[in-house]
């Protein structure tokens, strides 16, 4: 049965119409949100869980320097005024498919009021990358002629309507109103769900009980309730290509660590320095398990840090992090049968990641965002 694990790869609009949860792979907990959440924005997990135009699950993990403006990303400055990019400029080509600047701007417009303007250049890169991901998956669906029955699509639409109706913040709205607000419509949503469910069906074919049990044993920390609650401060290195730029980022994170060692408040320094949208809420990342949510280096450091302590700078693909652990939950005994559904969902997400990686490696991709 379609569980909605990959539905957000294709859904248009800013809706977080997560049939299966709120982006944390929580089965049986349908939710709907009409705006991004700081936690979704900040998490540096590896799951491919992005909408076609709604990048609510965008990780927004870095800000450009405060004085960088929009230079170098098609948003240059003329006499102190920001120059609007050409909406028809090609910013990426995936095989024969082209992504235009207006596709990026349509998404970016929805984030402008939520983040420091200096974050936009980094976000442009990340949104473009996810548009590429969406493109290779869409092409794959067409190539393989994947599809599901209309009954499955209708059931998912019904669940989304129920999410809206049962949410006090949205009960007076309709699904059509949400879609219209985001420049989409019900037909586009149905197409998105069809494609998403088809891909999920495709990748789940190889997920049998034997493989699931092996995965459970190998990743027991994901299912035994062991978690960490943490905050972080990020100094972004995405887009920094020279050693000098990397050294400056390292020097900055070391300087922040020194301030913390001298007694500075972590939340206040996160608000002041962090190149992650969570900075404005003190760097709070919430609670997460050992595997499957955060990138490996980050998770490893967080779980190795004592409660109340701050780790030394940690390098990930996003930049340098300082992590403060505020709580930990000890592991509990759990059997495979108790968490079988959750294991399946994680495995399908894992297979999705593997599929996307393979498709990107085989595709002819040219990024021309400047």
Protein backbone atom coordinates (compact mmCIF):
# COMPACT_ATOMS: atom_id res chain seq x y z
CA UNK A 1 0.00 0.00 0.00
CA UNK A 2 1.19 3.48 -0.84
CA UNK A 3 2.49 5.05 2.38
CA UNK A 4 3.28 8.53 1.07
CA UNK A 5 6.98 8.25 1.76
CA UNK A 6 8.01 9.81 -1.53
CA UNK A 7 4.93 11.87 -2.26
CA UNK A 8 6.68 15.15 -1.52
CA UNK A 9 9.17 14.55 -4.32
CA UNK A 10 6.55 15.63 -6.79
CA UNK A 11 3.78 17.61 -5.10
CA UNK A 12 3.52 21.16 -6.38
CA UNK A 13 2.95 24.11 -4.08
CA UNK A 14 4.18 25.09 -0.67
CA UNK A 15 1.96 22.56 1.11
CA UNK A 16 3.52 20.02 3.41
CA UNK A 17 0.93 17.44 2.48
CA UNK A 18 2.76 14.62 4.16
CA UNK A 19 0.40 11.68 4.17
CA UNK A 20 2.61 9.63 6.40
CA UNK A 21 3.87 12.22 8.84
CA UNK A 22 5.59 15.56 9.07
CA UNK A 23 8.84 14.81 7.34
CA UNK A 24 10.19 12.55 10.07
CA UNK A 25 8.96 9.21 8.73
CA UNK A 26 6.37 8.90 11.48
CA UNK A 27 3.72 6.41 10.34
CA UNK A 28 0.10 6.98 11.22
CA UNK A 29 0.49 10.65 12.03
CA UNK A 30 -0.85 12.61 9.06
CA UNK A 31 -0.25 16.32 9.21
CA UNK A 32 -0.49 19.28 6.92
CA UNK A 33 1.29 22.57 7.17
CA UNK A 34 0.95 25.62 4.95
CA UNK A 35 4.39 26.97 5.67
CA UNK A 36 7.88 25.69 6.22
CA UNK A 37 9.06 24.84 9.71
CA UNK A 38 12.43 25.84 11.09
CA UNK A 39 13.24 22.25 11.97
CA UNK A 40 12.48 20.94 8.50
CA UNK A 41 14.51 23.80 7.07
CA UNK A 42 17.55 23.07 9.18
CA UNK A 43 17.87 19.33 9.31
CA UNK A 44 20.82 18.05 7.37
CA UNK A 45 19.35 14.60 6.76
CA UNK A 46 19.99 12.59 3.66
CA UNK A 47 16.48 11.52 2.67
CA UNK A 48 15.18 12.61 -0.71
CA UNK A 49 11.96 14.14 0.48
CA UNK A 50 11.32 17.24 -1.58
CA UNK A 51 8.33 18.62 -3.46
CA UNK A 52 8.38 19.55 -7.14
CA UNK A 53 8.11 23.23 -6.39
CA UNK A 54 7.59 23.12 -2.66
CA UNK A 55 10.94 22.88 -1.02
CA UNK A 56 9.58 22.82 2.51
CA UNK A 57 11.97 20.05 3.21
CA UNK A 58 14.77 22.14 1.83
CA UNK A 59 17.54 22.02 4.35
CA UNK A 60 18.53 25.68 3.94
CA UNK A 61 21.75 24.82 5.63
CA UNK A 62 23.87 27.84 4.87
CA UNK A 63 23.88 31.59 4.68
CA UNK A 64 26.20 33.61 2.54
CA UNK A 65 28.33 36.27 4.26
CA UNK A 66 26.27 39.17 5.51
CA UNK A 67 27.77 41.56 3.00
CA UNK A 68 27.51 39.27 0.00
CA UNK A 69 24.16 40.49 -1.24
CA UNK A 70 23.21 38.48 -4.29
CA UNK A 71 26.35 38.84 -6.33
CA UNK A 72 27.40 35.81 -8.32
CA UNK A 73 23.90 34.30 -8.34
CA UNK A 74 22.22 36.22 -11.10
CA UNK A 75 21.06 38.93 -8.68
CA UNK A 76 23.72 41.53 -9.04
CA UNK A 77 23.62 45.07 -7.77
CA UNK A 78 23.35 48.16 -9.90
CA UNK A 79 23.78 51.45 -8.05
CA UNK A 80 22.84 49.70 -4.83
CA UNK A 81 19.66 48.16 -6.26
CA UNK A 82 19.21 44.46 -6.81
CA UNK A 83 18.94 43.55 -10.47
CA UNK A 84 16.17 41.07 -11.26
CA UNK A 85 17.48 38.01 -13.13
CA UNK A 86 16.20 37.01 -16.56
CA UNK A 87 13.30 34.63 -15.79
CA UNK A 88 13.93 32.63 -18.97
CA UNK A 89 17.62 32.05 -18.34
CA UNK A 90 18.50 28.36 -18.26
CA UNK A 91 20.01 27.53 -14.86
CA UNK A 92 20.31 23.76 -15.32
CA UNK A 93 20.01 21.15 -18.04
CA UNK A 94 19.22 17.53 -17.22
CA UNK A 95 19.62 15.39 -20.31
CA UNK A 96 17.33 17.31 -22.70
CA UNK A 97 15.21 18.99 -20.02
CA UNK A 98 15.91 22.58 -19.06
CA UNK A 99 15.22 24.33 -15.77
CA UNK A 100 14.63 28.06 -16.04
CA UNK A 101 15.41 30.84 -13.62
CA UNK A 102 11.68 31.45 -13.13
CA UNK A 103 11.30 27.88 -11.81
CA UNK A 104 13.84 28.71 -9.12
CA UNK A 105 12.39 32.15 -8.39
CA UNK A 106 8.90 30.74 -7.92
CA UNK A 107 10.21 28.69 -5.02
CA UNK A 108 12.63 31.27 -3.72
CA UNK A 109 9.89 33.87 -3.44
CA UNK A 110 8.21 31.76 -0.78
CA UNK A 111 11.26 31.81 1.47
CA UNK A 112 12.25 35.47 1.28
CA UNK A 113 10.26 36.51 4.32
CA UNK A 114 11.50 33.59 6.41
CA UNK A 115 15.27 33.91 6.25
CA UNK A 116 18.06 36.41 6.30
CA UNK A 117 18.41 37.82 2.75
CA UNK A 118 22.08 36.82 2.84
CA UNK A 119 20.92 33.20 2.86
CA UNK A 120 19.34 33.43 -0.58
CA UNK A 121 22.44 32.70 -2.70
CA UNK A 122 23.08 29.46 -0.83
CA UNK A 123 19.41 28.58 -1.00
CA UNK A 124 19.43 29.13 -4.75
CA UNK A 125 22.06 26.44 -5.09
CA UNK A 126 20.13 24.01 -2.91
CA UNK A 127 16.80 24.63 -4.60
CA UNK A 128 18.45 24.14 -7.99
CA UNK A 129 19.90 20.85 -6.82
CA UNK A 130 16.49 19.65 -5.71
CA UNK A 131 14.92 20.73 -8.99
CA UNK A 132 17.53 18.56 -10.66
CA UNK A 133 16.57 15.67 -8.37
CA UNK A 134 12.92 16.13 -9.22
CA UNK A 135 13.78 16.22 -12.92
CA UNK A 136 15.76 12.98 -12.99
CA UNK A 137 12.99 11.20 -11.09
CA UNK A 138 10.30 12.53 -13.40
CA UNK A 139 12.28 11.42 -16.43
CA UNK A 140 12.72 7.99 -14.85
CA UNK A 141 8.97 7.61 -14.34
CA UNK A 142 8.32 8.49 -17.98
CA UNK A 143 11.06 6.18 -19.25
CA UNK A 144 9.84 3.21 -17.21
CA UNK A 145 6.17 4.06 -17.86
CA UNK A 146 5.43 3.80 -14.15
CA UNK A 147 1.93 4.48 -12.87
CA UNK A 148 -0.63 3.51 -10.22
CA UNK A 149 -4.40 3.21 -10.20
CA UNK A 150 -6.65 6.23 -9.93
CA UNK A 151 -8.12 4.73 -6.75
CA UNK A 152 -4.78 5.10 -4.95
CA UNK A 153 -4.50 8.72 -6.06
CA UNK A 154 -8.05 9.50 -4.95
CA UNK A 155 -7.40 7.97 -1.53
CA UNK A 156 -4.37 10.17 -1.03
CA UNK A 157 -6.31 13.27 -2.06
CA UNK A 158 -8.99 12.33 0.47
CA UNK A 159 -6.37 11.99 3.20
CA UNK A 160 -5.02 15.43 2.39
CA UNK A 161 -8.49 16.92 2.60
CA UNK A 162 -8.92 15.27 6.00
CA UNK A 163 -5.57 16.71 7.13
CA UNK A 164 -6.81 20.18 6.32
CA UNK A 165 -10.19 19.64 7.92
CA UNK A 166 -8.74 18.19 11.12
CA UNK A 167 -6.08 20.86 11.57
CA UNK A 168 -7.46 23.82 13.58
CA UNK A 169 -5.14 26.18 11.72
CA UNK A 170 -6.47 25.16 8.30
CA UNK A 171 -9.99 23.83 8.87
CA UNK A 172 -11.59 26.85 7.16
CA UNK A 173 -9.58 26.32 3.97
CA UNK A 174 -9.90 23.83 1.15
CA UNK A 175 -7.20 21.85 -0.61
CA UNK A 176 -8.01 23.75 -3.79
CA UNK A 177 -7.44 27.07 -2.01
CA UNK A 178 -4.02 25.95 -0.82
CA UNK A 179 -3.08 24.79 -4.27
CA UNK A 180 -4.36 27.96 -5.93
CA UNK A 181 -2.40 30.09 -3.50
CA UNK A 182 0.74 28.30 -4.61
CA UNK A 183 -0.03 28.51 -8.32
CA UNK A 184 -1.05 24.87 -8.65
CA UNK A 185 -4.27 22.91 -9.04
CA UNK A 186 -5.84 19.57 -8.24
CA UNK A 187 -4.91 18.01 -11.58
CA UNK A 188 -1.23 18.79 -11.04
CA UNK A 189 -1.47 17.36 -7.55
CA UNK A 190 -3.02 14.14 -8.84
CA UNK A 191 -0.25 13.79 -11.39
CA UNK A 192 2.32 14.37 -8.67
CA UNK A 193 0.83 11.73 -6.40
CA UNK A 194 0.59 9.25 -9.26
CA UNK A 195 4.27 9.69 -10.05
CA UNK A 196 5.32 9.57 -6.42
CA UNK A 197 3.32 6.45 -5.64
CA UNK A 198 4.63 4.79 -8.79
CA UNK A 199 8.22 5.37 -7.77
CA UNK A 200 7.54 4.12 -4.27
CA UNK A 201 5.99 0.99 -5.68
CA UNK A 202 9.01 0.51 -7.92
CA UNK A 203 11.66 0.82 -5.21
CA UNK A 204 9.71 -1.26 -2.70
CA UNK A 205 9.75 -4.39 -4.87
CA UNK A 206 13.10 -5.45 -3.49
CA UNK A 207 12.24 -4.71 0.14
CA UNK A 208 11.41 -8.15 1.57
CA UNK A 209 11.33 -9.45 5.15
CA UNK A 210 14.86 -10.81 5.02
CA UNK A 211 16.37 -7.53 3.90
CA UNK A 212 14.25 -5.60 6.39
CA UNK A 213 15.41 -7.73 9.30
CA UNK A 214 19.04 -7.33 8.24
CA UNK A 215 18.53 -3.57 8.03
CA UNK A 216 16.89 -3.57 11.46
CA UNK A 217 19.85 -5.34 13.05
CA UNK A 218 22.39 -3.07 11.36
CA UNK A 219 20.50 0.11 12.24
CA UNK A 220 19.04 -0.81 15.62
CA UNK A 221 19.67 2.70 16.89
CA UNK A 222 16.95 4.00 14.58
CA UNK A 223 14.31 1.86 16.21
CA UNK A 224 15.20 1.42 19.87
CA UNK A 225 14.20 4.90 20.92
CA UNK A 226 17.77 6.19 21.38
CA UNK A 227 17.79 9.87 20.50
CA UNK A 228 19.65 13.10 21.00
CA UNK A 229 18.20 16.58 21.36
CA UNK A 230 20.61 19.23 20.15
CA UNK A 231 21.22 22.70 18.77
CA UNK A 232 23.91 23.78 16.37
CA UNK A 233 25.77 26.73 14.95
CA UNK A 234 26.77 26.45 11.32
CA UNK A 235 29.46 28.27 9.39
CA UNK A 236 28.60 27.53 5.79
CA UNK A 237 31.23 26.30 3.32
CA UNK A 238 28.97 25.44 0.40
CA UNK A 239 30.08 27.43 -2.60
CA UNK A 240 33.45 28.17 -1.04
CA UNK A 241 35.99 26.67 -3.40
CA UNK A 242 39.33 28.15 -2.41
CA UNK A 243 41.46 27.08 0.50
CA UNK A 244 41.47 30.66 1.73
CA UNK A 245 37.66 30.65 1.97
CA UNK A 246 37.68 27.32 3.78
CA UNK A 247 40.35 28.56 6.19
CA UNK A 248 38.29 31.67 6.95
CA UNK A 249 35.25 29.51 7.73
CA UNK A 250 37.35 27.33 10.03
CA UNK A 251 38.78 30.38 11.77
CA UNK A 252 35.26 31.72 12.28
CA UNK A 253 33.96 28.53 13.86
CA UNK A 254 37.04 28.34 16.09
CA UNK A 255 36.43 31.92 17.18
CA UNK A 256 32.80 31.13 18.03
CA UNK A 257 33.91 28.08 20.00
CA UNK A 258 36.30 30.26 21.97
CA UNK A 259 33.47 32.63 22.88
CA UNK A 260 31.42 29.67 24.07
CA UNK A 261 34.32 28.34 26.12
CA UNK A 262 34.54 31.74 27.76
CA UNK A 263 30.93 31.54 28.87
CA UNK A 264 28.89 33.01 26.01
CA UNK A 265 25.31 31.80 25.60
CA UNK A 266 24.96 29.21 22.84
CA UNK A 267 21.51 30.34 21.68
CA UNK A 268 22.60 33.97 21.49
CA UNK A 269 25.67 33.12 19.43
CA UNK A 270 23.55 30.95 17.16
CA UNK A 271 21.29 33.92 16.51
CA UNK A 272 24.33 36.11 15.88
CA UNK A 273 26.55 33.85 13.80
CA UNK A 274 24.82 30.72 12.50
CA UNK A 275 24.50 30.35 8.76
CA UNK A 276 21.46 28.15 9.21
CA UNK A 277 17.87 29.43 9.40
CA UNK A 278 17.56 27.76 12.80
CA UNK A 279 19.97 30.39 14.08
CA UNK A 280 17.14 32.79 14.74
CA UNK A 281 15.62 30.25 17.15
CA UNK A 282 18.91 29.57 18.88
CA UNK A 283 20.01 26.77 16.58
CA UNK A 284 17.43 24.27 17.84
CA UNK A 285 17.36 21.08 15.77
CA UNK A 286 14.97 19.15 17.98
CA UNK A 287 15.36 15.43 18.59
CA UNK A 288 16.79 12.87 16.16
CA UNK A 289 18.03 9.24 16.10
CA UNK A 290 21.55 8.01 15.46
CA UNK A 291 21.02 7.05 11.83
CA UNK A 292 18.93 8.13 8.87
CA UNK A 293 18.20 11.74 9.74
CA UNK A 294 21.42 13.70 10.10
CA UNK A 295 24.46 13.22 7.91
CA UNK A 296 26.89 10.75 9.44
CA UNK A 297 29.61 13.09 10.73
CA UNK A 298 27.03 15.30 12.41
CA UNK A 299 25.13 12.42 14.04
CA UNK A 300 28.31 10.71 15.19
CA UNK A 301 29.54 13.86 16.92
CA UNK A 302 26.16 14.60 18.50
CA UNK A 303 25.80 11.14 20.02
CA UNK A 304 29.38 11.25 21.28
CA UNK A 305 28.82 14.56 23.10
CA UNK A 306 27.69 14.59 26.73
CA UNK A 307 24.46 16.28 27.73
CA UNK A 308 25.09 19.96 28.42
CA UNK A 309 28.37 19.93 26.51
CA UNK A 310 29.42 21.47 23.21
CA UNK A 311 31.52 19.45 20.80
CA UNK A 312 34.57 20.69 18.95
CA UNK A 313 33.93 21.91 15.38
CA UNK A 314 32.57 19.19 13.11
CA UNK A 315 32.94 19.30 9.32
CA UNK A 316 30.14 18.08 7.06
CA UNK A 317 29.22 18.71 3.45
CA UNK A 318 27.37 21.81 4.63
CA UNK A 319 30.18 23.44 6.58
CA UNK A 320 31.53 23.59 10.12
CA UNK A 321 29.17 22.90 13.02
CA UNK A 322 29.25 23.39 16.76
CA UNK A 323 26.75 21.06 18.41
CA UNK A 324 25.28 21.48 21.87
CA UNK A 325 23.52 18.40 23.24
CA UNK A 326 20.67 19.24 25.61
CA UNK A 327 19.15 15.79 26.18
CA UNK A 328 19.49 12.11 25.38
CA UNK A 329 17.05 9.21 25.47
CA UNK A 330 18.49 5.82 26.38
CA UNK A 331 17.84 2.85 24.08
CA UNK A 332 15.10 0.33 24.87
CA UNK A 333 14.74 -3.31 23.94
CA UNK A 334 12.73 -3.66 20.75
CA UNK A 335 11.93 -6.55 18.42
CA UNK A 336 11.80 -6.50 14.64
CA UNK A 337 8.10 -7.35 14.62
CA UNK A 338 7.29 -4.30 16.74
CA UNK A 339 8.83 -1.85 14.28
CA UNK A 340 8.50 -3.72 10.99
CA UNK A 341 6.44 -0.98 9.33
CA UNK A 342 8.93 1.68 10.32
CA UNK A 343 11.81 -0.45 9.07
CA UNK A 344 10.06 -0.79 5.73
CA UNK A 345 9.58 2.95 5.43
CA UNK A 346 13.22 3.65 6.21
CA UNK A 347 14.36 1.05 3.72
CA UNK A 348 12.19 2.52 0.99
CA UNK A 349 13.64 5.95 1.75
CA UNK A 350 17.11 4.38 1.55
CA UNK A 351 16.26 2.82 -1.81
CA UNK A 352 14.97 6.18 -3.00
CA UNK A 353 18.29 7.78 -2.13
CA UNK A 354 20.16 5.05 -3.97
CA UNK A 355 17.91 5.48 -7.01
CA UNK A 356 18.40 9.23 -7.10
CA UNK A 357 22.16 8.87 -6.76
CA UNK A 358 22.28 6.37 -9.60
CA UNK A 359 20.06 8.47 -11.85
CA UNK A 360 22.17 11.57 -11.27
CA UNK A 361 25.37 9.71 -11.98
CA UNK A 362 23.99 8.41 -15.28
CA UNK A 363 22.30 11.64 -16.35
CA UNK A 364 23.95 14.42 -18.29
CA UNK A 365 23.60 17.31 -15.87
CA UNK A 366 24.86 20.84 -16.47
CA UNK A 367 24.33 23.50 -13.80
CA UNK A 368 24.55 27.04 -15.19
CA UNK A 369 23.26 28.94 -12.16
CA UNK A 370 25.56 31.92 -11.66
